[in-house]
Amino acid sequence: MSLKHFHYVFLFFAVLCDGGFWLWTRFAPEQAAGMGISHLGIIAGWTSLALIGYGLWYFFRKSRTIVV
């Protein structure tokens, strides 16, 4: 597996984990508030969106100039 493909896999799992954490804080707000991590759910949601944007930018701009 090349470094470029590893980058895609890593981004996929990072978005999956961030999005899952965000969903957990949205669907179980009592548990998240009890642990004091409700604000981290909001940050995880925005980070997930930023990672999706970075992934799209990497795919359409950056990875075209990288030799496999």
PDB file of N, CA and C in Angstrom:
ATOM      1  N   MET A   1       0.849  -1.167   0.000  1.00  0.00           N
ATOM      2  CA  MET A   1       0.000   0.000   0.000  1.00  0.00           C
ATOM      3  C   MET A   1       0.899   1.237   0.000  1.00  0.00           C
ATOM      4  N   SER A   2       0.630   2.128  -0.920  1.00  0.00           N
ATOM      5  CA  SER A   2       1.439   3.336  -1.009  1.00  0.00           C
ATOM      6  C   SER A   2       1.038   4.312   0.093  1.00  0.00           C
ATOM      7  N   LEU A   3       1.867   5.303   0.287  1.00  0.00           N
ATOM      8  CA  LEU A   3       1.593   6.308   1.305  1.00  0.00           C
ATOM      9  C   LEU A   3       0.337   7.102   0.974  1.00  0.00           C
ATOM     10  N   LYS A   4       0.084   7.323  -0.309  1.00  0.00           N
ATOM     11  CA  LYS A   4      -1.121   8.039  -0.723  1.00  0.00           C
ATOM     12  C   LYS A   4      -2.369   7.252  -0.341  1.00  0.00           C
ATOM     13  N   HIS A   5      -2.352   5.951  -0.586  1.00  0.00           N
ATOM     14  CA  HIS A   5      -3.513   5.136  -0.237  1.00  0.00           C
ATOM     15  C   HIS A   5      -3.675   5.001   1.274  1.00  0.00           C
ATOM     16  N   PHE A   6      -2.567   4.937   2.003  1.00  0.00           N
ATOM     17  CA  PHE A   6      -2.641   4.923   3.457  1.00  0.00           C
ATOM     18  C   PHE A   6      -3.275   6.215   3.962  1.00  0.00           C
ATOM     19  N   HIS A   7      -2.972   7.312   3.314  1.00  0.00           N
ATOM     20  CA  HIS A   7      -3.542   8.604   3.672  1.00  0.00           C
ATOM     21  C   HIS A   7      -5.069   8.570   3.528  1.00  0.00           C
ATOM     22  N   TYR A   8      -5.552   7.992   2.436  1.00  0.00           N
ATOM     23  CA  TYR A   8      -6.999   7.867   2.235  1.00  0.00           C
ATOM     24  C   TYR A   8      -7.639   7.017   3.326  1.00  0.00           C
ATOM     25  N   VAL A   9      -7.016   5.897   3.652  1.00  0.00           N
ATOM     26  CA  VAL A   9      -7.563   5.009   4.683  1.00  0.00           C
ATOM     27  C   VAL A   9      -7.558   5.708   6.038  1.00  0.00           C
ATOM     28  N   PHE A  10      -6.471   6.391   6.360  1.00  0.00           N
ATOM     29  CA  PHE A  10      -6.379   7.101   7.635  1.00  0.00           C
ATOM     30  C   PHE A  10      -7.442   8.197   7.726  1.00  0.00           C
ATOM     31  N   LEU A  11      -7.643   8.944   6.650  1.00  0.00           N
ATOM     32  CA  LEU A  11      -8.671   9.980   6.655  1.00  0.00           C
ATOM     33  C   LEU A  11     -10.064   9.384   6.821  1.00  0.00           C
ATOM     34  N   PHE A  12     -10.314   8.263   6.168  1.00  0.00           N
ATOM     35  CA  PHE A  12     -11.611   7.602   6.289  1.00  0.00           C
ATOM     36  C   PHE A  12     -11.901   7.224   7.734  1.00  0.00           C
ATOM     37  N   PHE A  13     -10.937   6.586   8.396  1.00  0.00           N
ATOM     38  CA  PHE A  13     -11.165   6.173   9.779  1.00  0.00           C
ATOM     39  C   PHE A  13     -11.197   7.354  10.743  1.00  0.00           C
ATOM     40  N   ALA A  14     -10.455   8.418  10.460  1.00  0.00           N
ATOM     41  CA  ALA A  14     -10.509   9.610  11.307  1.00  0.00           C
ATOM     42  C   ALA A  14     -11.885  10.264  11.223  1.00  0.00           C
ATOM     43  N   VAL A  15     -12.443  10.359  10.016  1.00  0.00           N
ATOM     44  CA  VAL A  15     -13.783  10.923   9.848  1.00  0.00           C
ATOM     45  C   VAL A  15     -14.815  10.018  10.502  1.00  0.00           C
ATOM     46  N   LEU A  16     -14.654   8.720  10.359  1.00  0.00           N
ATOM     47  CA  LEU A  16     -15.576   7.764  10.962  1.00  0.00           C
ATOM     48  C   LEU A  16     -15.574   7.882  12.488  1.00  0.00           C
ATOM     49  N   CYS A  17     -14.417   7.971  13.096  1.00  0.00           N
ATOM     50  CA  CYS A  17     -14.326   8.092  14.558  1.00  0.00           C
ATOM     51  C   CYS A  17     -14.857   9.434  15.045  1.00  0.00           C
ATOM     52  N   ASP A  18     -14.479  10.519  14.382  1.00  0.00           N
ATOM     53  CA  ASP A  18     -14.980  11.842  14.777  1.00  0.00           C
ATOM     54  C   ASP A  18     -16.488  11.930  14.614  1.00  0.00           C
ATOM     55  N   GLY A  19     -16.997  11.449  13.492  1.00  0.00           N
ATOM     56  CA  GLY A  19     -18.439  11.476  13.260  1.00  0.00           C
ATOM     57  C   GLY A  19     -19.189  10.594  14.239  1.00  0.00           C
ATOM     58  N   GLY A  20     -18.625   9.453  14.566  1.00  0.00           N
ATOM     59  CA  GLY A  20     -19.252   8.573  15.548  1.00  0.00           C
ATOM     60  C   GLY A  20     -19.300   9.197  16.927  1.00  0.00           C
ATOM     61  N   PHE A  21     -18.238   9.865  17.318  1.00  0.00           N
ATOM     62  CA  PHE A  21     -18.231  10.545  18.614  1.00  0.00           C
ATOM     63  C   PHE A  21     -19.251  11.672  18.640  1.00  0.00           C
ATOM     64  N   TRP A  22     -19.332  12.415  17.547  1.00  0.00           N
ATOM     65  CA  TRP A  22     -20.319  13.492  17.463  1.00  0.00           C
ATOM     66  C   TRP A  22     -21.736  12.932  17.568  1.00  0.00           C
ATOM     67  N   LEU A  23     -22.003  11.838  16.834  1.00  0.00           N
ATOM     68  CA  LEU A  23     -23.329  11.222  16.902  1.00  0.00           C
ATOM     69  C   LEU A  23     -23.640  10.710  18.302  1.00  0.00           C
ATOM     70  N   TRP A  24     -22.665  10.137  18.966  1.00  0.00           N
ATOM     71  CA  TRP A  24     -22.890   9.645  20.320  1.00  0.00           C
ATOM     72  C   TRP A  24     -23.265  10.790  21.262  1.00  0.00           C
ATOM     73  N   THR A  25     -22.585  11.928  21.142  1.00  0.00           N
ATOM     74  CA  THR A  25     -22.920  13.056  22.014  1.00  0.00           C
ATOM     75  C   THR A  25     -24.285  13.648  21.665  1.00  0.00           C
ATOM     76  N   ARG A  26     -24.747  13.480  20.432  1.00  0.00           N
ATOM     77  CA  ARG A  26     -26.075  13.969  20.038  1.00  0.00           C
ATOM     78  C   ARG A  26     -27.188  13.012  20.464  1.00  0.00           C
ATOM     79  N   PHE A  27     -26.958  11.703  20.374  1.00  0.00           N
ATOM     80  CA  PHE A  27     -27.995  10.726  20.693  1.00  0.00           C
ATOM     81  C   PHE A  27     -28.012  10.316  22.160  1.00  0.00           C
ATOM     82  N   ALA A  28     -26.953  10.599  22.897  1.00  0.00           N
ATOM     83  CA  ALA A  28     -26.900  10.312  24.330  1.00  0.00           C
ATOM     84  C   ALA A  28     -26.393  11.537  25.076  1.00  0.00           C
ATOM     85  N   PRO A  29     -27.149  12.647  25.013  1.00  0.00           N
ATOM     86  CA  PRO A  29     -26.644  13.886  25.622  1.00  0.00           C
ATOM     87  C   PRO A  29     -26.538  13.808  27.153  1.00  0.00           C
ATOM     88  N   GLU A  30     -27.356  12.966  27.783  1.00  0.00           N
ATOM     89  CA  GLU A  30     -27.277  12.857  29.246  1.00  0.00           C
ATOM     90  C   GLU A  30     -25.955  12.239  29.678  1.00  0.00           C
ATOM     91  N   GLN A  31     -25.549  11.199  28.972  1.00  0.00           N
ATOM     92  CA  GLN A  31     -24.267  10.564  29.298  1.00  0.00           C
ATOM     93  C   GLN A  31     -23.100  11.499  29.024  1.00  0.00           C
ATOM     94  N   ALA A  32     -23.149  12.190  27.892  1.00  0.00           N
ATOM     95  CA  ALA A  32     -22.062  13.107  27.540  1.00  0.00           C
ATOM     96  C   ALA A  32     -21.981  14.255  28.542  1.00  0.00           C
ATOM     97  N   ALA A  33     -23.141  14.787  28.939  1.00  0.00           N
ATOM     98  CA  ALA A  33     -23.144  15.878  29.916  1.00  0.00           C
ATOM     99  C   ALA A  33     -22.677  15.374  31.276  1.00  0.00           C
ATOM    100  N   GLY A  34     -23.044  14.147  31.622  1.00  0.00           N
ATOM    101  CA  GLY A  34     -22.603  13.574  32.890  1.00  0.00           C
ATOM    102  C   GLY A  34     -21.098  13.424  32.964  1.00  0.00           C
ATOM    103  N   MET A  35     -20.472  13.151  31.834  1.00  0.00           N
ATOM    104  CA  MET A  35     -19.014  13.034  31.789  1.00  0.00           C
ATOM    105  C   MET A  35     -18.341  14.381  31.551  1.00  0.00           C
ATOM    106  N   GLY A  36     -19.134  15.393  31.228  1.00  0.00           N
ATOM    107  CA  GLY A  36     -18.573  16.722  30.994  1.00  0.00           C
ATOM    108  C   GLY A  36     -17.886  16.864  29.651  1.00  0.00           C
ATOM    109  N   ILE A  37     -18.352  16.126  28.658  1.00  0.00           N
ATOM    110  CA  ILE A  37     -17.692  16.177  27.351  1.00  0.00           C
ATOM    111  C   ILE A  37     -18.645  16.603  26.240  1.00  0.00           C
ATOM    112  N   SER A  38     -19.745  17.262  26.566  1.00  0.00           N
ATOM    113  CA  SER A  38     -20.684  17.691  25.527  1.00  0.00           C
ATOM    114  C   SER A  38     -20.033  18.664  24.558  1.00  0.00           C
ATOM    115  N   HIS A  39     -19.200  19.548  25.072  1.00  0.00           N
ATOM    116  CA  HIS A  39     -18.547  20.526  24.198  1.00  0.00           C
ATOM    117  C   HIS A  39     -17.564  19.851  23.235  1.00  0.00           C
ATOM    118  N   LEU A  40     -17.007  18.719  23.636  1.00  0.00           N
ATOM    119  CA  LEU A  40     -16.095  18.007  22.741  1.00  0.00           C
ATOM    120  C   LEU A  40     -16.828  17.398  21.554  1.00  0.00           C
ATOM    121  N   GLY A  41     -18.112  17.088  21.737  1.00  0.00           N
ATOM    122  CA  GLY A  41     -18.910  16.578  20.632  1.00  0.00           C
ATOM    123  C   GLY A  41     -19.057  17.609  19.525  1.00  0.00           C
ATOM    124  N   ILE A  42     -19.254  18.846  19.905  1.00  0.00           N
ATOM    125  CA  ILE A  42     -19.361  19.926  18.921  1.00  0.00           C
ATOM    126  C   ILE A  42     -18.037  20.086  18.175  1.00  0.00           C
ATOM    127  N   ILE A  43     -16.948  20.040  18.911  1.00  0.00           N
ATOM    128  CA  ILE A  43     -15.629  20.148  18.286  1.00  0.00           C
ATOM    129  C   ILE A  43     -15.382  18.969  17.347  1.00  0.00           C
ATOM    130  N   ALA A  44     -15.804  17.769  17.763  1.00  0.00           N
ATOM    131  CA  ALA A  44     -15.619  16.583  16.915  1.00  0.00           C
ATOM    132  C   ALA A  44     -16.437  16.695  15.638  1.00  0.00           C
ATOM    133  N   GLY A  45     -17.633  17.259  15.719  1.00  0.00           N
ATOM    134  CA  GLY A  45     -18.448  17.443  14.520  1.00  0.00           C
ATOM    135  C   GLY A  45     -17.794  18.386  13.527  1.00  0.00           C
ATOM    136  N   TRP A  46     -17.278  19.492  14.018  1.00  0.00           N
ATOM    137  CA  TRP A  46     -16.607  20.448  13.130  1.00  0.00           C
ATOM    138  C   TRP A  46     -15.298  19.872  12.588  1.00  0.00           C
ATOM    139  N   THR A  47     -14.599  19.119  13.417  1.00  0.00           N
ATOM    140  CA  THR A  47     -13.362  18.482  12.954  1.00  0.00           C
ATOM    141  C   THR A  47     -13.656  17.461  11.866  1.00  0.00           C
ATOM    142  N   SER A  48     -14.746  16.733  12.022  1.00  0.00           N
ATOM    143  CA  SER A  48     -15.139  15.764  11.004  1.00  0.00           C
ATOM    144  C   SER A  48     -15.416  16.456   9.669  1.00  0.00           C
ATOM    145  N   LEU A  49     -16.117  17.563   9.717  1.00  0.00           N
ATOM    146  CA  LEU A  49     -16.375  18.324   8.486  1.00  0.00           C
ATOM    147  C   LEU A  49     -15.080  18.869   7.887  1.00  0.00           C
ATOM    148  N   ALA A  50     -14.175  19.332   8.736  1.00  0.00           N
ATOM    149  CA  ALA A  50     -12.894  19.842   8.244  1.00  0.00           C
ATOM    150  C   ALA A  50     -12.076  18.721   7.602  1.00  0.00           C
ATOM    151  N   LEU A  51     -12.109  17.538   8.192  1.00  0.00           N
ATOM    152  CA  LEU A  51     -11.381  16.412   7.615  1.00  0.00           C
ATOM    153  C   LEU A  51     -11.977  15.976   6.281  1.00  0.00           C
ATOM    154  N   ILE A  52     -13.290  16.047   6.154  1.00  0.00           N
ATOM    155  CA  ILE A  52     -13.922  15.731   4.880  1.00  0.00           C
ATOM    156  C   ILE A  52     -13.479  16.745   3.826  1.00  0.00           C
ATOM    157  N   GLY A  53     -13.468  18.029   4.192  1.00  0.00           N
ATOM    158  CA  GLY A  53     -12.996  19.064   3.278  1.00  0.00           C
ATOM    159  C   GLY A  53     -11.544  18.862   2.891  1.00  0.00           C
ATOM    160  N   TYR A  54     -10.717  18.516   3.867  1.00  0.00           N
ATOM    161  CA  TYR A  54      -9.306  18.254   3.568  1.00  0.00           C
ATOM    162  C   TYR A  54      -9.162  17.032   2.666  1.00  0.00           C
ATOM    163  N   GLY A  55      -9.948  16.002   2.916  1.00  0.00           N
ATOM    164  CA  GLY A  55      -9.883  14.809   2.089  1.00  0.00           C
ATOM    165  C   GLY A  55     -10.248  15.105   0.643  1.00  0.00           C
ATOM    166  N   LEU A  56     -11.275  15.917   0.446  1.00  0.00           N
ATOM    167  CA  LEU A  56     -11.659  16.298  -0.914  1.00  0.00           C
ATOM    168  C   LEU A  56     -10.576  17.137  -1.577  1.00  0.00           C
ATOM    169  N   TRP A  57     -10.023  18.072  -0.822  1.00  0.00           N
ATOM    170  CA  TRP A  57      -8.941  18.896  -1.364  1.00  0.00           C
ATOM    171  C   TRP A  57      -7.736  18.022  -1.723  1.00  0.00           C
ATOM    172  N   TYR A  58      -7.398  17.112  -0.861  1.00  0.00           N
ATOM    173  CA  TYR A  58      -6.254  16.229  -1.107  1.00  0.00           C
ATOM    174  C   TYR A  58      -6.496  15.372  -2.345  1.00  0.00           C
ATOM    175  N   PHE A  59      -7.709  14.855  -2.487  1.00  0.00           N
ATOM    176  CA  PHE A  59      -8.011  13.986  -3.616  1.00  0.00           C
ATOM    177  C   PHE A  59      -7.987  14.743  -4.942  1.00  0.00           C
ATOM    178  N   PHE A  60      -8.592  15.940  -4.964  1.00  0.00           N
ATOM    179  CA  PHE A  60      -8.722  16.657  -6.235  1.00  0.00           C
ATOM    180  C   PHE A  60      -7.517  17.528  -6.574  1.00  0.00           C
ATOM    181  N   ARG A  61      -6.755  17.987  -5.607  1.00  0.00           N
ATOM    182  CA  ARG A  61      -5.635  18.892  -5.902  1.00  0.00           C
ATOM    183  C   ARG A  61      -4.281  18.270  -5.631  1.00  0.00           C
ATOM    184  N   LYS A  62      -4.078  17.896  -4.405  1.00  0.00           N
ATOM    185  CA  LYS A  62      -2.742  17.486  -3.978  1.00  0.00           C
ATOM    186  C   LYS A  62      -2.309  16.149  -4.553  1.00  0.00           C
ATOM    187  N   SER A  63      -3.200  15.142  -4.531  1.00  0.00           N
ATOM    188  CA  SER A  63      -2.777  13.798  -4.915  1.00  0.00           C
ATOM    189  C   SER A  63      -2.530  13.685  -6.414  1.00  0.00           C
ATOM    190  N   ARG A  64      -2.986  14.633  -7.191  1.00  0.00           N
ATOM    191  CA  ARG A  64      -2.741  14.577  -8.634  1.00  0.00           C
ATOM    192  C   ARG A  64      -1.283  14.845  -8.963  1.00  0.00           C
ATOM    193  N   THR A  65      -0.588  15.539  -8.070  1.00  0.00           N
ATOM    194  CA  THR A  65       0.818  15.875  -8.339  1.00  0.00           C
ATOM    195  C   THR A  65       1.782  14.872  -7.703  1.00  0.00           C
ATOM    196  N   ILE A  66       1.250  13.921  -6.911  1.00  0.00           N
ATOM    197  CA  ILE A  66       2.094  12.937  -6.250  1.00  0.00           C
ATOM    198  C   ILE A  66       2.244  11.716  -7.160  1.00  0.00           C
ATOM    199  N   VAL A  67       3.456  11.271  -7.321  1.00  0.00           N
ATOM    200  CA  VAL A  67       3.721  10.089  -8.135  1.00  0.00           C
ATOM    201  C   VAL A  67       3.560   8.870  -7.231  1.00  0.00           C
ATOM    202  N   VAL A  68       2.857   7.865  -7.718  1.00  0.00           N
ATOM    203  CA  VAL A  68       2.604   6.653  -6.908  1.00  0.00           C
ATOM    204  C   VAL A  68       3.796   5.825  -6.785  1.00  0.00           C
TER     205      VAL A  68
END
